[in-house]
Amino acid sequence: METFQNDFIHMLQTELEDLIKDIELLMEVQKQRLEKSEITNYVYLENTALFKNEIACLKNFLKFSSQLDLDGFQTHDELGDYIKQEFKNQLEEHCYAQAIESFVDRKLKKIIDYIKRIES
């Protein structure tokens, strides 16, 4: 039987995979802008490094999220707070760029809001 915790994680994983695709698209746009001389090589390399760091972070957390112990959470907010803290721990442990944290926070809020809306 599927629990709300499993549903929550599946939605989060879908959102994170979508975010990875968005970042890959941004990388492609950056490449095009470099080819058109709209940005310098330095800006391109800095942005690309950040994007690759964010993708590595998200891929790592996708693997990590499938191994989380989700038992014992009574509400979506509790689970969301736990996942948010675990994500922050992963950022610090692996020295990932902090820039991605706000995007993941928004994805978590989106999931919680969606679940609350369909349950009411």
PDB file of N, CA and C in Angstrom:
ATOM      1  N   MET A   1       0.843  -1.189   0.000  1.00  0.00           N
ATOM      2  CA  MET A   1       0.000   0.000   0.000  1.00  0.00           C
ATOM      3  C   MET A   1       0.883   1.246   0.000  1.00  0.00           C
ATOM      4  N   GLU A   2       0.562   2.169  -0.885  1.00  0.00           N
ATOM      5  CA  GLU A   2       1.312   3.409  -0.969  1.00  0.00           C
ATOM      6  C   GLU A   2       0.946   4.321   0.197  1.00  0.00           C
ATOM      7  N   THR A   3       1.946   4.874   0.825  1.00  0.00           N
ATOM      8  CA  THR A   3       1.710   5.817   1.905  1.00  0.00           C
ATOM      9  C   THR A   3       1.909   7.227   1.384  1.00  0.00           C
ATOM     10  N   PHE A   4       1.445   8.198   2.152  1.00  0.00           N
ATOM     11  CA  PHE A   4       1.639   9.582   1.716  1.00  0.00           C
ATOM     12  C   PHE A   4       3.129   9.905   1.648  1.00  0.00           C
ATOM     13  N   GLN A   5       3.936   9.257   2.482  1.00  0.00           N
ATOM     14  CA  GLN A   5       5.375   9.494   2.456  1.00  0.00           C
ATOM     15  C   GLN A   5       5.981   9.043   1.121  1.00  0.00           C
ATOM     16  N   ASN A   6       5.561   7.876   0.655  1.00  0.00           N
ATOM     17  CA  ASN A   6       6.062   7.382  -0.632  1.00  0.00           C
ATOM     18  C   ASN A   6       5.590   8.269  -1.781  1.00  0.00           C
ATOM     19  N   ASP A   7       4.332   8.683  -1.732  1.00  0.00           N
ATOM     20  CA  ASP A   7       3.813   9.590  -2.757  1.00  0.00           C
ATOM     21  C   ASP A   7       4.611  10.895  -2.763  1.00  0.00           C
ATOM     22  N   PHE A   8       4.888  11.397  -1.576  1.00  0.00           N
ATOM     23  CA  PHE A   8       5.630  12.640  -1.426  1.00  0.00           C
ATOM     24  C   PHE A   8       7.011  12.501  -2.068  1.00  0.00           C
ATOM     25  N   ILE A   9       7.703  11.420  -1.756  1.00  0.00           N
ATOM     26  CA  ILE A   9       9.052  11.204  -2.302  1.00  0.00           C
ATOM     27  C   ILE A   9       9.004  11.046  -3.816  1.00  0.00           C
ATOM     28  N   HIS A  10       8.018  10.338  -4.331  1.00  0.00           N
ATOM     29  CA  HIS A  10       7.899  10.181  -5.786  1.00  0.00           C
ATOM     30  C   HIS A  10       7.683  11.532  -6.466  1.00  0.00           C
ATOM     31  N   MET A  11       6.838  12.351  -5.870  1.00  0.00           N
ATOM     32  CA  MET A  11       6.622  13.692  -6.431  1.00  0.00           C
ATOM     33  C   MET A  11       7.908  14.515  -6.360  1.00  0.00           C
ATOM     34  N   LEU A  12       8.603  14.437  -5.242  1.00  0.00           N
ATOM     35  CA  LEU A  12       9.859  15.177  -5.097  1.00  0.00           C
ATOM     36  C   LEU A  12      10.874  14.718  -6.136  1.00  0.00           C
ATOM     37  N   GLN A  13      10.995  13.425  -6.328  1.00  0.00           N
ATOM     38  CA  GLN A  13      11.951  12.925  -7.305  1.00  0.00           C
ATOM     39  C   GLN A  13      11.599  13.393  -8.713  1.00  0.00           C
ATOM     40  N   THR A  14      10.322  13.413  -9.033  1.00  0.00           N
ATOM     41  CA  THR A  14       9.879  13.915 -10.339  1.00  0.00           C
ATOM     42  C   THR A  14      10.238  15.390 -10.497  1.00  0.00           C
ATOM     43  N   GLU A  15       9.998  16.171  -9.455  1.00  0.00           N
ATOM     44  CA  GLU A  15      10.318  17.598  -9.497  1.00  0.00           C
ATOM     45  C   GLU A  15      11.833  17.832  -9.629  1.00  0.00           C
ATOM     46  N   LEU A  16      12.625  17.037  -8.919  1.00  0.00           N
ATOM     47  CA  LEU A  16      14.076  17.200  -8.993  1.00  0.00           C
ATOM     48  C   LEU A  16      14.610  16.801 -10.367  1.00  0.00           C
ATOM     49  N   GLU A  17      14.059  15.749 -10.938  1.00  0.00           N
ATOM     50  CA  GLU A  17      14.455  15.359 -12.295  1.00  0.00           C
ATOM     51  C   GLU A  17      14.103  16.456 -13.297  1.00  0.00           C
ATOM     52  N   ASP A  18      12.945  17.073 -13.109  1.00  0.00           N
ATOM     53  CA  ASP A  18      12.540  18.183 -13.963  1.00  0.00           C
ATOM     54  C   ASP A  18      13.486  19.375 -13.792  1.00  0.00           C
ATOM     55  N   LEU A  19      13.895  19.629 -12.570  1.00  0.00           N
ATOM     56  CA  LEU A  19      14.834  20.717 -12.301  1.00  0.00           C
ATOM     57  C   LEU A  19      16.182  20.451 -12.969  1.00  0.00           C
ATOM     58  N   ILE A  20      16.622  19.220 -12.969  1.00  0.00           N
ATOM     59  CA  ILE A  20      17.871  18.868 -13.658  1.00  0.00           C
ATOM     60  C   ILE A  20      17.742  19.194 -15.146  1.00  0.00           C
ATOM     61  N   LYS A  21      16.615  18.848 -15.740  1.00  0.00           N
ATOM     62  CA  LYS A  21      16.403  19.151 -17.160  1.00  0.00           C
ATOM     63  C   LYS A  21      16.403  20.655 -17.405  1.00  0.00           C
ATOM     64  N   ASP A  22      15.814  21.418 -16.487  1.00  0.00           N
ATOM     65  CA  ASP A  22      15.824  22.877 -16.615  1.00  0.00           C
ATOM     66  C   ASP A  22      17.246  23.424 -16.584  1.00  0.00           C
ATOM     67  N   ILE A  23      18.059  22.903 -15.703  1.00  0.00           N
ATOM     68  CA  ILE A  23      19.443  23.373 -15.589  1.00  0.00           C
ATOM     69  C   ILE A  23      20.234  22.987 -16.838  1.00  0.00           C
ATOM     70  N   GLU A  24      19.989  21.788 -17.348  1.00  0.00           N
ATOM     71  CA  GLU A  24      20.658  21.372 -18.589  1.00  0.00           C
ATOM     72  C   GLU A  24      20.262  22.289 -19.742  1.00  0.00           C
ATOM     73  N   LEU A  25      19.018  22.705 -19.768  1.00  0.00           N
ATOM     74  CA  LEU A  25      18.564  23.654 -20.784  1.00  0.00           C
ATOM     75  C   LEU A  25      19.285  24.992 -20.623  1.00  0.00           C
ATOM     76  N   LEU A  26      19.437  25.450 -19.396  1.00  0.00           N
ATOM     77  CA  LEU A  26      20.182  26.688 -19.152  1.00  0.00           C
ATOM     78  C   LEU A  26      21.624  26.570 -19.625  1.00  0.00           C
ATOM     79  N   MET A  27      22.205  25.403 -19.448  1.00  0.00           N
ATOM     80  CA  MET A  27      23.575  25.193 -19.927  1.00  0.00           C
ATOM     81  C   MET A  27      23.644  25.330 -21.445  1.00  0.00           C
ATOM     82  N   GLU A  28      22.638  24.805 -22.113  1.00  0.00           N
ATOM     83  CA  GLU A  28      22.591  24.907 -23.575  1.00  0.00           C
ATOM     84  C   GLU A  28      22.416  26.364 -24.015  1.00  0.00           C
ATOM     85  N   VAL A  29      21.570  27.093 -23.311  1.00  0.00           N
ATOM     86  CA  VAL A  29      21.380  28.522 -23.624  1.00  0.00           C
ATOM     87  C   VAL A  29      22.684  29.282 -23.418  1.00  0.00           C
ATOM     88  N   GLN A  30      23.397  28.959 -22.344  1.00  0.00           N
ATOM     89  CA  GLN A  30      24.685  29.603 -22.086  1.00  0.00           C
ATOM     90  C   GLN A  30      25.655  29.357 -23.235  1.00  0.00           C
ATOM     91  N   LYS A  31      25.672  28.132 -23.730  1.00  0.00           N
ATOM     92  CA  LYS A  31      26.569  27.787 -24.836  1.00  0.00           C
ATOM     93  C   LYS A  31      26.228  28.617 -26.075  1.00  0.00           C
ATOM     94  N   GLN A  32      24.948  28.744 -26.359  1.00  0.00           N
ATOM     95  CA  GLN A  32      24.511  29.539 -27.509  1.00  0.00           C
ATOM     96  C   GLN A  32      24.889  31.012 -27.336  1.00  0.00           C
ATOM     97  N   ARG A  33      24.728  31.512 -26.111  1.00  0.00           N
ATOM     98  CA  ARG A  33      25.076  32.912 -25.841  1.00  0.00           C
ATOM     99  C   ARG A  33      26.577  33.138 -26.004  1.00  0.00           C
ATOM    100  N   LEU A  34      27.380  32.164 -25.619  1.00  0.00           N
ATOM    101  CA  LEU A  34      28.828  32.268 -25.806  1.00  0.00           C
ATOM    102  C   LEU A  34      29.161  32.293 -27.287  1.00  0.00           C
ATOM    103  N   GLU A  35      28.541  31.416 -28.055  1.00  0.00           N
ATOM    104  CA  GLU A  35      28.785  31.352 -29.497  1.00  0.00           C
ATOM    105  C   GLU A  35      28.401  32.655 -30.198  1.00  0.00           C
ATOM    106  N   LYS A  36      27.416  33.361 -29.666  1.00  0.00           N
ATOM    107  CA  LYS A  36      26.983  34.643 -30.229  1.00  0.00           C
ATOM    108  C   LYS A  36      27.752  35.817 -29.631  1.00  0.00           C
ATOM    109  N   SER A  37      28.707  35.524 -28.769  1.00  0.00           N
ATOM    110  CA  SER A  37      29.522  36.536 -28.072  1.00  0.00           C
ATOM    111  C   SER A  37      28.674  37.453 -27.182  1.00  0.00           C
ATOM    112  N   GLU A  38      27.572  36.944 -26.684  1.00  0.00           N
ATOM    113  CA  GLU A  38      26.741  37.713 -25.758  1.00  0.00           C
ATOM    114  C   GLU A  38      27.304  37.665 -24.340  1.00  0.00           C
ATOM    115  N   ILE A  39      28.077  36.632 -24.058  1.00  0.00           N
ATOM    116  CA  ILE A  39      28.760  36.509 -22.767  1.00  0.00           C
ATOM    117  C   ILE A  39      30.209  36.127 -23.027  1.00  0.00           C
ATOM    118  N   THR A  40      31.052  36.402 -22.059  1.00  0.00           N
ATOM    119  CA  THR A  40      32.460  36.069 -22.201  1.00  0.00           C
ATOM    120  C   THR A  40      32.694  34.599 -21.847  1.00  0.00           C
ATOM    121  N   ASN A  41      33.850  34.116 -22.249  1.00  0.00           N
ATOM    122  CA  ASN A  41      34.223  32.752 -21.917  1.00  0.00           C
ATOM    123  C   ASN A  41      34.282  32.570 -20.398  1.00  0.00           C
ATOM    124  N   TYR A  42      34.762  33.588 -19.703  1.00  0.00           N
ATOM    125  CA  TYR A  42      34.851  33.523 -18.243  1.00  0.00           C
ATOM    126  C   TYR A  42      33.465  33.326 -17.614  1.00  0.00           C
ATOM    127  N   VAL A  43      32.491  34.122 -18.059  1.00  0.00           N
ATOM    128  CA  VAL A  43      31.122  34.013 -17.535  1.00  0.00           C
ATOM    129  C   VAL A  43      30.555  32.636 -17.876  1.00  0.00           C
ATOM    130  N   TYR A  44      30.795  32.191 -19.087  1.00  0.00           N
ATOM    131  CA  TYR A  44      30.319  30.872 -19.500  1.00  0.00           C
ATOM    132  C   TYR A  44      30.885  29.776 -18.597  1.00  0.00           C
ATOM    133  N   LEU A  45      32.174  29.812 -18.350  1.00  0.00           N
ATOM    134  CA  LEU A  45      32.810  28.786 -17.523  1.00  0.00           C
ATOM    135  C   LEU A  45      32.323  28.838 -16.078  1.00  0.00           C
ATOM    136  N   GLU A  46      32.173  30.034 -15.537  1.00  0.00           N
ATOM    137  CA  GLU A  46      31.676  30.174 -14.162  1.00  0.00           C
ATOM    138  C   GLU A  46      30.243  29.641 -14.046  1.00  0.00           C
ATOM    139  N   ASN A  47      29.395  30.035 -14.974  1.00  0.00           N
ATOM    140  CA  ASN A  47      28.003  29.576 -14.943  1.00  0.00           C
ATOM    141  C   ASN A  47      27.914  28.064 -15.142  1.00  0.00           C
ATOM    142  N   THR A  48      28.694  27.556 -16.076  1.00  0.00           N
ATOM    143  CA  THR A  48      28.680  26.120 -16.348  1.00  0.00           C
ATOM    144  C   THR A  48      29.150  25.337 -15.129  1.00  0.00           C
ATOM    145  N   ALA A  49      30.160  25.836 -14.451  1.00  0.00           N
ATOM    146  CA  ALA A  49      30.640  25.167 -13.236  1.00  0.00           C
ATOM    147  C   ALA A  49      29.539  25.121 -12.174  1.00  0.00           C
ATOM    148  N   LEU A  50      28.836  26.225 -12.001  1.00  0.00           N
ATOM    149  CA  LEU A  50      27.739  26.259 -11.039  1.00  0.00           C
ATOM    150  C   LEU A  50      26.635  25.289 -11.446  1.00  0.00           C
ATOM    151  N   PHE A  51      26.258  25.299 -12.716  1.00  0.00           N
ATOM    152  CA  PHE A  51      25.197  24.411 -13.188  1.00  0.00           C
ATOM    153  C   PHE A  51      25.578  22.943 -12.987  1.00  0.00           C
ATOM    154  N   LYS A  52      26.817  22.597 -13.293  1.00  0.00           N
ATOM    155  CA  LYS A  52      27.262  21.211 -13.111  1.00  0.00           C
ATOM    156  C   LYS A  52      27.256  20.831 -11.633  1.00  0.00           C
ATOM    157  N   ASN A  53      27.618  21.752 -10.776  1.00  0.00           N
ATOM    158  CA  ASN A  53      27.594  21.509  -9.338  1.00  0.00           C
ATOM    159  C   ASN A  53      26.159  21.263  -8.877  1.00  0.00           C
ATOM    160  N   GLU A  54      25.235  22.067  -9.369  1.00  0.00           N
ATOM    161  CA  GLU A  54      23.828  21.911  -8.992  1.00  0.00           C
ATOM    162  C   GLU A  54      23.261  20.581  -9.483  1.00  0.00           C
ATOM    163  N   ILE A  55      23.614  20.197 -10.692  1.00  0.00           N
ATOM    164  CA  ILE A  55      23.148  18.920 -11.231  1.00  0.00           C
ATOM    165  C   ILE A  55      23.715  17.764 -10.412  1.00  0.00           C
ATOM    166  N   ALA A  56      24.986  17.834 -10.086  1.00  0.00           N
ATOM    167  CA  ALA A  56      25.595  16.776  -9.258  1.00  0.00           C
ATOM    168  C   ALA A  56      24.897  16.691  -7.907  1.00  0.00           C
ATOM    169  N   CYS A  57      24.590  17.830  -7.330  1.00  0.00           N
ATOM    170  CA  CYS A  57      23.888  17.869  -6.045  1.00  0.00           C
ATOM    171  C   CYS A  57      22.522  17.208  -6.160  1.00  0.00           C
ATOM    172  N   LEU A  58      21.765  17.560  -7.171  1.00  0.00           N
ATOM    173  CA  LEU A  58      20.427  17.015  -7.346  1.00  0.00           C
ATOM    174  C   LEU A  58      20.466  15.513  -7.617  1.00  0.00           C
ATOM    175  N   LYS A  59      21.394  15.075  -8.438  1.00  0.00           N
ATOM    176  CA  LYS A  59      21.509  13.644  -8.718  1.00  0.00           C
ATOM    177  C   LYS A  59      21.881  12.877  -7.452  1.00  0.00           C
ATOM    178  N   ASN A  60      22.778  13.437  -6.673  1.00  0.00           N
ATOM    179  CA  ASN A  60      23.159  12.803  -5.416  1.00  0.00           C
ATOM    180  C   ASN A  60      21.955  12.720  -4.474  1.00  0.00           C
ATOM    181  N   PHE A  61      21.193  13.805  -4.395  1.00  0.00           N
ATOM    182  CA  PHE A  61      20.045  13.791  -3.491  1.00  0.00           C
ATOM    183  C   PHE A  61      18.942  12.868  -3.996  1.00  0.00           C
ATOM    184  N   LEU A  62      18.817  12.722  -5.304  1.00  0.00           N
ATOM    185  CA  LEU A  62      17.847  11.760  -5.834  1.00  0.00           C
ATOM    186  C   LEU A  62      18.166  10.354  -5.335  1.00  0.00           C
ATOM    187  N   LYS A  63      19.430   9.976  -5.395  1.00  0.00           N
ATOM    188  CA  LYS A  63      19.837   8.662  -4.884  1.00  0.00           C
ATOM    189  C   LYS A  63      19.587   8.581  -3.382  1.00  0.00           C
ATOM    190  N   PHE A  64      19.983   9.621  -2.681  1.00  0.00           N
ATOM    191  CA  PHE A  64      19.845   9.659  -1.230  1.00  0.00           C
ATOM    192  C   PHE A  64      18.376   9.586  -0.815  1.00  0.00           C
ATOM    193  N   SER A  65      17.508  10.291  -1.536  1.00  0.00           N
ATOM    194  CA  SER A  65      16.090  10.358  -1.158  1.00  0.00           C
ATOM    195  C   SER A  65      15.398   9.007  -1.263  1.00  0.00           C
ATOM    196  N   SER A  66      15.885   8.145  -2.128  1.00  0.00           N
ATOM    197  CA  SER A  66      15.257   6.826  -2.258  1.00  0.00           C
ATOM    198  C   SER A  66      15.613   5.919  -1.084  1.00  0.00           C
ATOM    199  N   GLN A  67      16.572   6.340  -0.262  1.00  0.00           N
ATOM    200  CA  GLN A  67      16.997   5.542   0.883  1.00  0.00           C
ATOM    201  C   GLN A  67      16.561   6.145   2.221  1.00  0.00           C
ATOM    202  N   LEU A  68      15.817   7.236   2.185  1.00  0.00           N
ATOM    203  CA  LEU A  68      15.394   7.889   3.419  1.00  0.00           C
ATOM    204  C   LEU A  68      14.414   7.017   4.201  1.00  0.00           C
ATOM    205  N   ASP A  69      14.548   7.047   5.514  1.00  0.00           N
ATOM    206  CA  ASP A  69      13.591   6.364   6.387  1.00  0.00           C
ATOM    207  C   ASP A  69      12.417   7.309   6.613  1.00  0.00           C
ATOM    208  N   LEU A  70      11.288   6.977   6.029  1.00  0.00           N
ATOM    209  CA  LEU A  70      10.137   7.882   6.026  1.00  0.00           C
ATOM    210  C   LEU A  70       9.089   7.534   7.068  1.00  0.00           C
ATOM    211  N   ASP A  71       9.320   6.475   7.810  1.00  0.00           N
ATOM    212  CA  ASP A  71       8.346   6.067   8.820  1.00  0.00           C
ATOM    213  C   ASP A  71       8.290   7.077   9.958  1.00  0.00           C
ATOM    214  N   GLY A  72       7.125   7.210  10.528  1.00  0.00           N
ATOM    215  CA  GLY A  72       6.971   8.046  11.710  1.00  0.00           C
ATOM    216  C   GLY A  72       6.534   9.473  11.442  1.00  0.00           C
ATOM    217  N   PHE A  73       6.426   9.864  10.193  1.00  0.00           N
ATOM    218  CA  PHE A  73       5.970  11.220   9.899  1.00  0.00           C
ATOM    219  C   PHE A  73       4.451  11.229   9.799  1.00  0.00           C
ATOM    220  N   GLN A  74       3.842  12.140  10.532  1.00  0.00           N
ATOM    221  CA  GLN A  74       2.386  12.195  10.584  1.00  0.00           C
ATOM    222  C   GLN A  74       1.802  13.201   9.594  1.00  0.00           C
ATOM    223  N   THR A  75       2.587  14.212   9.231  1.00  0.00           N
ATOM    224  CA  THR A  75       2.069  15.258   8.341  1.00  0.00           C
ATOM    225  C   THR A  75       3.043  15.518   7.211  1.00  0.00           C
ATOM    226  N   HIS A  76       2.513  16.141   6.173  1.00  0.00           N
ATOM    227  CA  HIS A  76       3.346  16.530   5.034  1.00  0.00           C
ATOM    228  C   HIS A  76       4.364  17.590   5.449  1.00  0.00           C
ATOM    229  N   ASP A  77       3.953  18.485   6.344  1.00  0.00           N
ATOM    230  CA  ASP A  77       4.869  19.533   6.806  1.00  0.00           C
ATOM    231  C   ASP A  77       6.056  18.935   7.551  1.00  0.00           C
ATOM    232  N   GLU A  78       5.797  17.951   8.406  1.00  0.00           N
ATOM    233  CA  GLU A  78       6.891  17.283   9.130  1.00  0.00           C
ATOM    234  C   GLU A  78       7.856  16.625   8.148  1.00  0.00           C
ATOM    235  N   LEU A  79       7.300  15.920   7.180  1.00  0.00           N
ATOM    236  CA  LEU A  79       8.132  15.247   6.186  1.00  0.00           C
ATOM    237  C   LEU A  79       8.907  16.261   5.349  1.00  0.00           C
ATOM    238  N   GLY A  80       8.237  17.333   4.958  1.00  0.00           N
ATOM    239  CA  GLY A  80       8.905  18.380   4.180  1.00  0.00           C
ATOM    240  C   GLY A  80      10.054  19.012   4.945  1.00  0.00           C
ATOM    241  N   ASP A  81       9.832  19.284   6.221  1.00  0.00           N
ATOM    242  CA  ASP A  81      10.897  19.864   7.056  1.00  0.00           C
ATOM    243  C   ASP A  81      12.072  18.906   7.186  1.00  0.00           C
ATOM    244  N   TYR A  82      11.766  17.618   7.341  1.00  0.00           N
ATOM    245  CA  TYR A  82      12.820  16.605   7.445  1.00  0.00           C
ATOM    246  C   TYR A  82      13.641  16.540   6.159  1.00  0.00           C
ATOM    247  N   ILE A  83      12.954  16.509   5.028  1.00  0.00           N
ATOM    248  CA  ILE A  83      13.648  16.433   3.742  1.00  0.00           C
ATOM    249  C   ILE A  83      14.473  17.690   3.508  1.00  0.00           C
ATOM    250  N   LYS A  84      13.907  18.834   3.855  1.00  0.00           N
ATOM    251  CA  LYS A  84      14.640  20.097   3.710  1.00  0.00           C
ATOM    252  C   LYS A  84      15.934  20.070   4.525  1.00  0.00           C
ATOM    253  N   GLN A  85      15.857  19.580   5.748  1.00  0.00           N
ATOM    254  CA  GLN A  85      17.049  19.497   6.595  1.00  0.00           C
ATOM    255  C   GLN A  85      18.053  18.487   6.037  1.00  0.00           C
ATOM    256  N   GLU A  86      17.560  17.368   5.556  1.00  0.00           N
ATOM    257  CA  GLU A  86      18.458  16.365   4.973  1.00  0.00           C
ATOM    258  C   GLU A  86      19.146  16.915   3.723  1.00  0.00           C
ATOM    259  N   PHE A  87      18.407  17.690   2.920  1.00  0.00           N
ATOM    260  CA  PHE A  87      19.001  18.302   1.736  1.00  0.00           C
ATOM    261  C   PHE A  87      20.098  19.283   2.152  1.00  0.00           C
ATOM    262  N   LYS A  88      19.793  20.083   3.152  1.00  0.00           N
ATOM    263  CA  LYS A  88      20.783  21.043   3.648  1.00  0.00           C
ATOM    264  C   LYS A  88      22.028  20.313   4.173  1.00  0.00           C
ATOM    265  N   ASN A  89      21.818  19.205   4.870  1.00  0.00           N
ATOM    266  CA  ASN A  89      22.951  18.406   5.347  1.00  0.00           C
ATOM    267  C   ASN A  89      23.801  17.899   4.188  1.00  0.00           C
ATOM    268  N   GLN A  90      23.136  17.473   3.119  1.00  0.00           N
ATOM    269  CA  GLN A  90      23.869  16.992   1.938  1.00  0.00           C
ATOM    270  C   GLN A  90      24.664  18.126   1.287  1.00  0.00           C
ATOM    271  N   LEU A  91      24.078  19.312   1.243  1.00  0.00           N
ATOM    272  CA  LEU A  91      24.796  20.471   0.690  1.00  0.00           C
ATOM    273  C   LEU A  91      26.101  20.701   1.443  1.00  0.00           C
ATOM    274  N   GLU A  92      25.993  20.704   2.757  1.00  0.00           N
ATOM    275  CA  GLU A  92      27.158  20.983   3.588  1.00  0.00           C
ATOM    276  C   GLU A  92      28.169  19.844   3.549  1.00  0.00           C
ATOM    277  N   GLU A  93      27.679  18.629   3.612  1.00  0.00           N
ATOM    278  CA  GLU A  93      28.570  17.468   3.647  1.00  0.00           C
ATOM    279  C   GLU A  93      29.395  17.338   2.374  1.00  0.00           C
ATOM    280  N   HIS A  94      28.779  17.647   1.238  1.00  0.00           N
ATOM    281  CA  HIS A  94      29.453  17.478  -0.049  1.00  0.00           C
ATOM    282  C   HIS A  94      29.949  18.797  -0.647  1.00  0.00           C
ATOM    283  N   CYS A  95      29.819  19.875   0.110  1.00  0.00           N
ATOM    284  CA  CYS A  95      30.286  21.206  -0.326  1.00  0.00           C
ATOM    285  C   CYS A  95      29.668  21.650  -1.653  1.00  0.00           C
ATOM    286  N   TYR A  96      28.375  21.382  -1.812  1.00  0.00           N
ATOM    287  CA  TYR A  96      27.678  21.850  -3.004  1.00  0.00           C
ATOM    288  C   TYR A  96      27.354  23.327  -2.857  1.00  0.00           C
ATOM    289  N   ALA A  97      27.159  23.992  -3.992  1.00  0.00           N
ATOM    290  CA  ALA A  97      26.803  25.405  -4.001  1.00  0.00           C
ATOM    291  C   ALA A  97      25.439  25.599  -3.331  1.00  0.00           C
ATOM    292  N   GLN A  98      25.343  26.619  -2.506  1.00  0.00           N
ATOM    293  CA  GLN A  98      24.111  26.897  -1.767  1.00  0.00           C
ATOM    294  C   GLN A  98      22.986  27.414  -2.667  1.00  0.00           C
ATOM    295  N   ALA A  99      23.319  27.839  -3.871  1.00  0.00           N
ATOM    296  CA  ALA A  99      22.327  28.445  -4.760  1.00  0.00           C
ATOM    297  C   ALA A  99      21.140  27.529  -5.038  1.00  0.00           C
ATOM    298  N   ILE A 100      21.350  26.238  -5.065  1.00  0.00           N
ATOM    299  CA  ILE A 100      20.289  25.300  -5.416  1.00  0.00           C
ATOM    300  C   ILE A 100      19.265  25.122  -4.293  1.00  0.00           C
ATOM    301  N   GLU A 101      19.626  25.481  -3.094  1.00  0.00           N
ATOM    302  CA  GLU A 101      18.750  25.254  -1.939  1.00  0.00           C
ATOM    303  C   GLU A 101      17.392  25.938  -2.096  1.00  0.00           C
ATOM    304  N   SER A 102      17.376  27.160  -2.583  1.00  0.00           N
ATOM    305  CA  SER A 102      16.097  27.875  -2.717  1.00  0.00           C
ATOM    306  C   SER A 102      15.191  27.210  -3.755  1.00  0.00           C
ATOM    307  N   PHE A 103      15.780  26.620  -4.789  1.00  0.00           N
ATOM    308  CA  PHE A 103      14.973  25.926  -5.794  1.00  0.00           C
ATOM    309  C   PHE A 103      14.329  24.671  -5.200  1.00  0.00           C
ATOM    310  N   VAL A 104      15.095  23.931  -4.416  1.00  0.00           N
ATOM    311  CA  VAL A 104      14.557  22.717  -3.792  1.00  0.00           C
ATOM    312  C   VAL A 104      13.503  23.090  -2.755  1.00  0.00           C
ATOM    313  N   ASP A 105      13.740  24.165  -2.001  1.00  0.00           N
ATOM    314  CA  ASP A 105      12.732  24.631  -1.047  1.00  0.00           C
ATOM    315  C   ASP A 105      11.414  24.942  -1.744  1.00  0.00           C
ATOM    316  N   ARG A 106      11.492  25.587  -2.898  1.00  0.00           N
ATOM    317  CA  ARG A 106      10.276  25.905  -3.659  1.00  0.00           C
ATOM    318  C   ARG A 106       9.578  24.647  -4.144  1.00  0.00           C
ATOM    319  N   LYS A 107      10.355  23.663  -4.573  1.00  0.00           N
ATOM    320  CA  LYS A 107       9.764  22.397  -5.026  1.00  0.00           C
ATOM    321  C   LYS A 107       9.053  21.698  -3.871  1.00  0.00           C
ATOM    322  N   LEU A 108       9.662  21.704  -2.697  1.00  0.00           N
ATOM    323  CA  LEU A 108       9.030  21.095  -1.526  1.00  0.00           C
ATOM    324  C   LEU A 108       7.733  21.810  -1.177  1.00  0.00           C
ATOM    325  N   LYS A 109       7.759  23.128  -1.192  1.00  0.00           N
ATOM    326  CA  LYS A 109       6.552  23.900  -0.896  1.00  0.00           C
ATOM    327  C   LYS A 109       5.463  23.603  -1.919  1.00  0.00           C
ATOM    328  N   LYS A 110       5.848  23.503  -3.162  1.00  0.00           N
ATOM    329  CA  LYS A 110       4.894  23.198  -4.234  1.00  0.00           C
ATOM    330  C   LYS A 110       4.222  21.844  -3.985  1.00  0.00           C
ATOM    331  N   ILE A 111       4.993  20.852  -3.601  1.00  0.00           N
ATOM    332  CA  ILE A 111       4.450  19.516  -3.341  1.00  0.00           C
ATOM    333  C   ILE A 111       3.494  19.548  -2.154  1.00  0.00           C
ATOM    334  N   ILE A 112       3.924  20.189  -1.073  1.00  0.00           N
ATOM    335  CA  ILE A 112       3.078  20.269   0.126  1.00  0.00           C
ATOM    336  C   ILE A 112       1.778  21.000  -0.181  1.00  0.00           C
ATOM    337  N   ASP A 113       1.863  22.113  -0.881  1.00  0.00           N
ATOM    338  CA  ASP A 113       0.652  22.863  -1.242  1.00  0.00           C
ATOM    339  C   ASP A 113      -0.276  22.026  -2.123  1.00  0.00           C
ATOM    340  N   TYR A 114       0.298  21.300  -3.067  1.00  0.00           N
ATOM    341  CA  TYR A 114      -0.508  20.462  -3.956  1.00  0.00           C
ATOM    342  C   TYR A 114      -1.227  19.372  -3.163  1.00  0.00           C
ATOM    343  N   ILE A 115      -0.502  18.686  -2.314  1.00  0.00           N
ATOM    344  CA  ILE A 115      -1.107  17.598  -1.531  1.00  0.00           C
ATOM    345  C   ILE A 115      -2.216  18.142  -0.627  1.00  0.00           C
ATOM    346  N   LYS A 116      -1.970  19.261   0.017  1.00  0.00           N
ATOM    347  CA  LYS A 116      -2.992  19.846   0.887  1.00  0.00           C
ATOM    348  C   LYS A 116      -4.230  20.231   0.097  1.00  0.00           C
ATOM    349  N   ARG A 117      -4.025  20.742  -1.109  1.00  0.00           N
ATOM    350  CA  ARG A 117      -5.145  21.166  -1.948  1.00  0.00           C
ATOM    351  C   ARG A 117      -5.996  19.970  -2.381  1.00  0.00           C
ATOM    352  N   ILE A 118      -5.354  18.851  -2.757  1.00  0.00           N
ATOM    353  CA  ILE A 118      -6.142  17.709  -3.226  1.00  0.00           C
ATOM    354  C   ILE A 118      -6.785  16.940  -2.072  1.00  0.00           C
ATOM    355  N   GLU A 119      -6.241  17.098  -0.872  1.00  0.00           N
ATOM    356  CA  GLU A 119      -6.817  16.403   0.285  1.00  0.00           C
ATOM    357  C   GLU A 119      -7.963  17.171   0.919  1.00  0.00           C
ATOM    358  N   SER A 120      -8.091  18.436   0.590  1.00  0.00           N
ATOM    359  CA  SER A 120      -9.157  19.222   1.232  1.00  0.00           C
ATOM    360  C   SER A 120     -10.416  19.271   0.400  1.00  0.00           C
TER     361      SER A 120
END
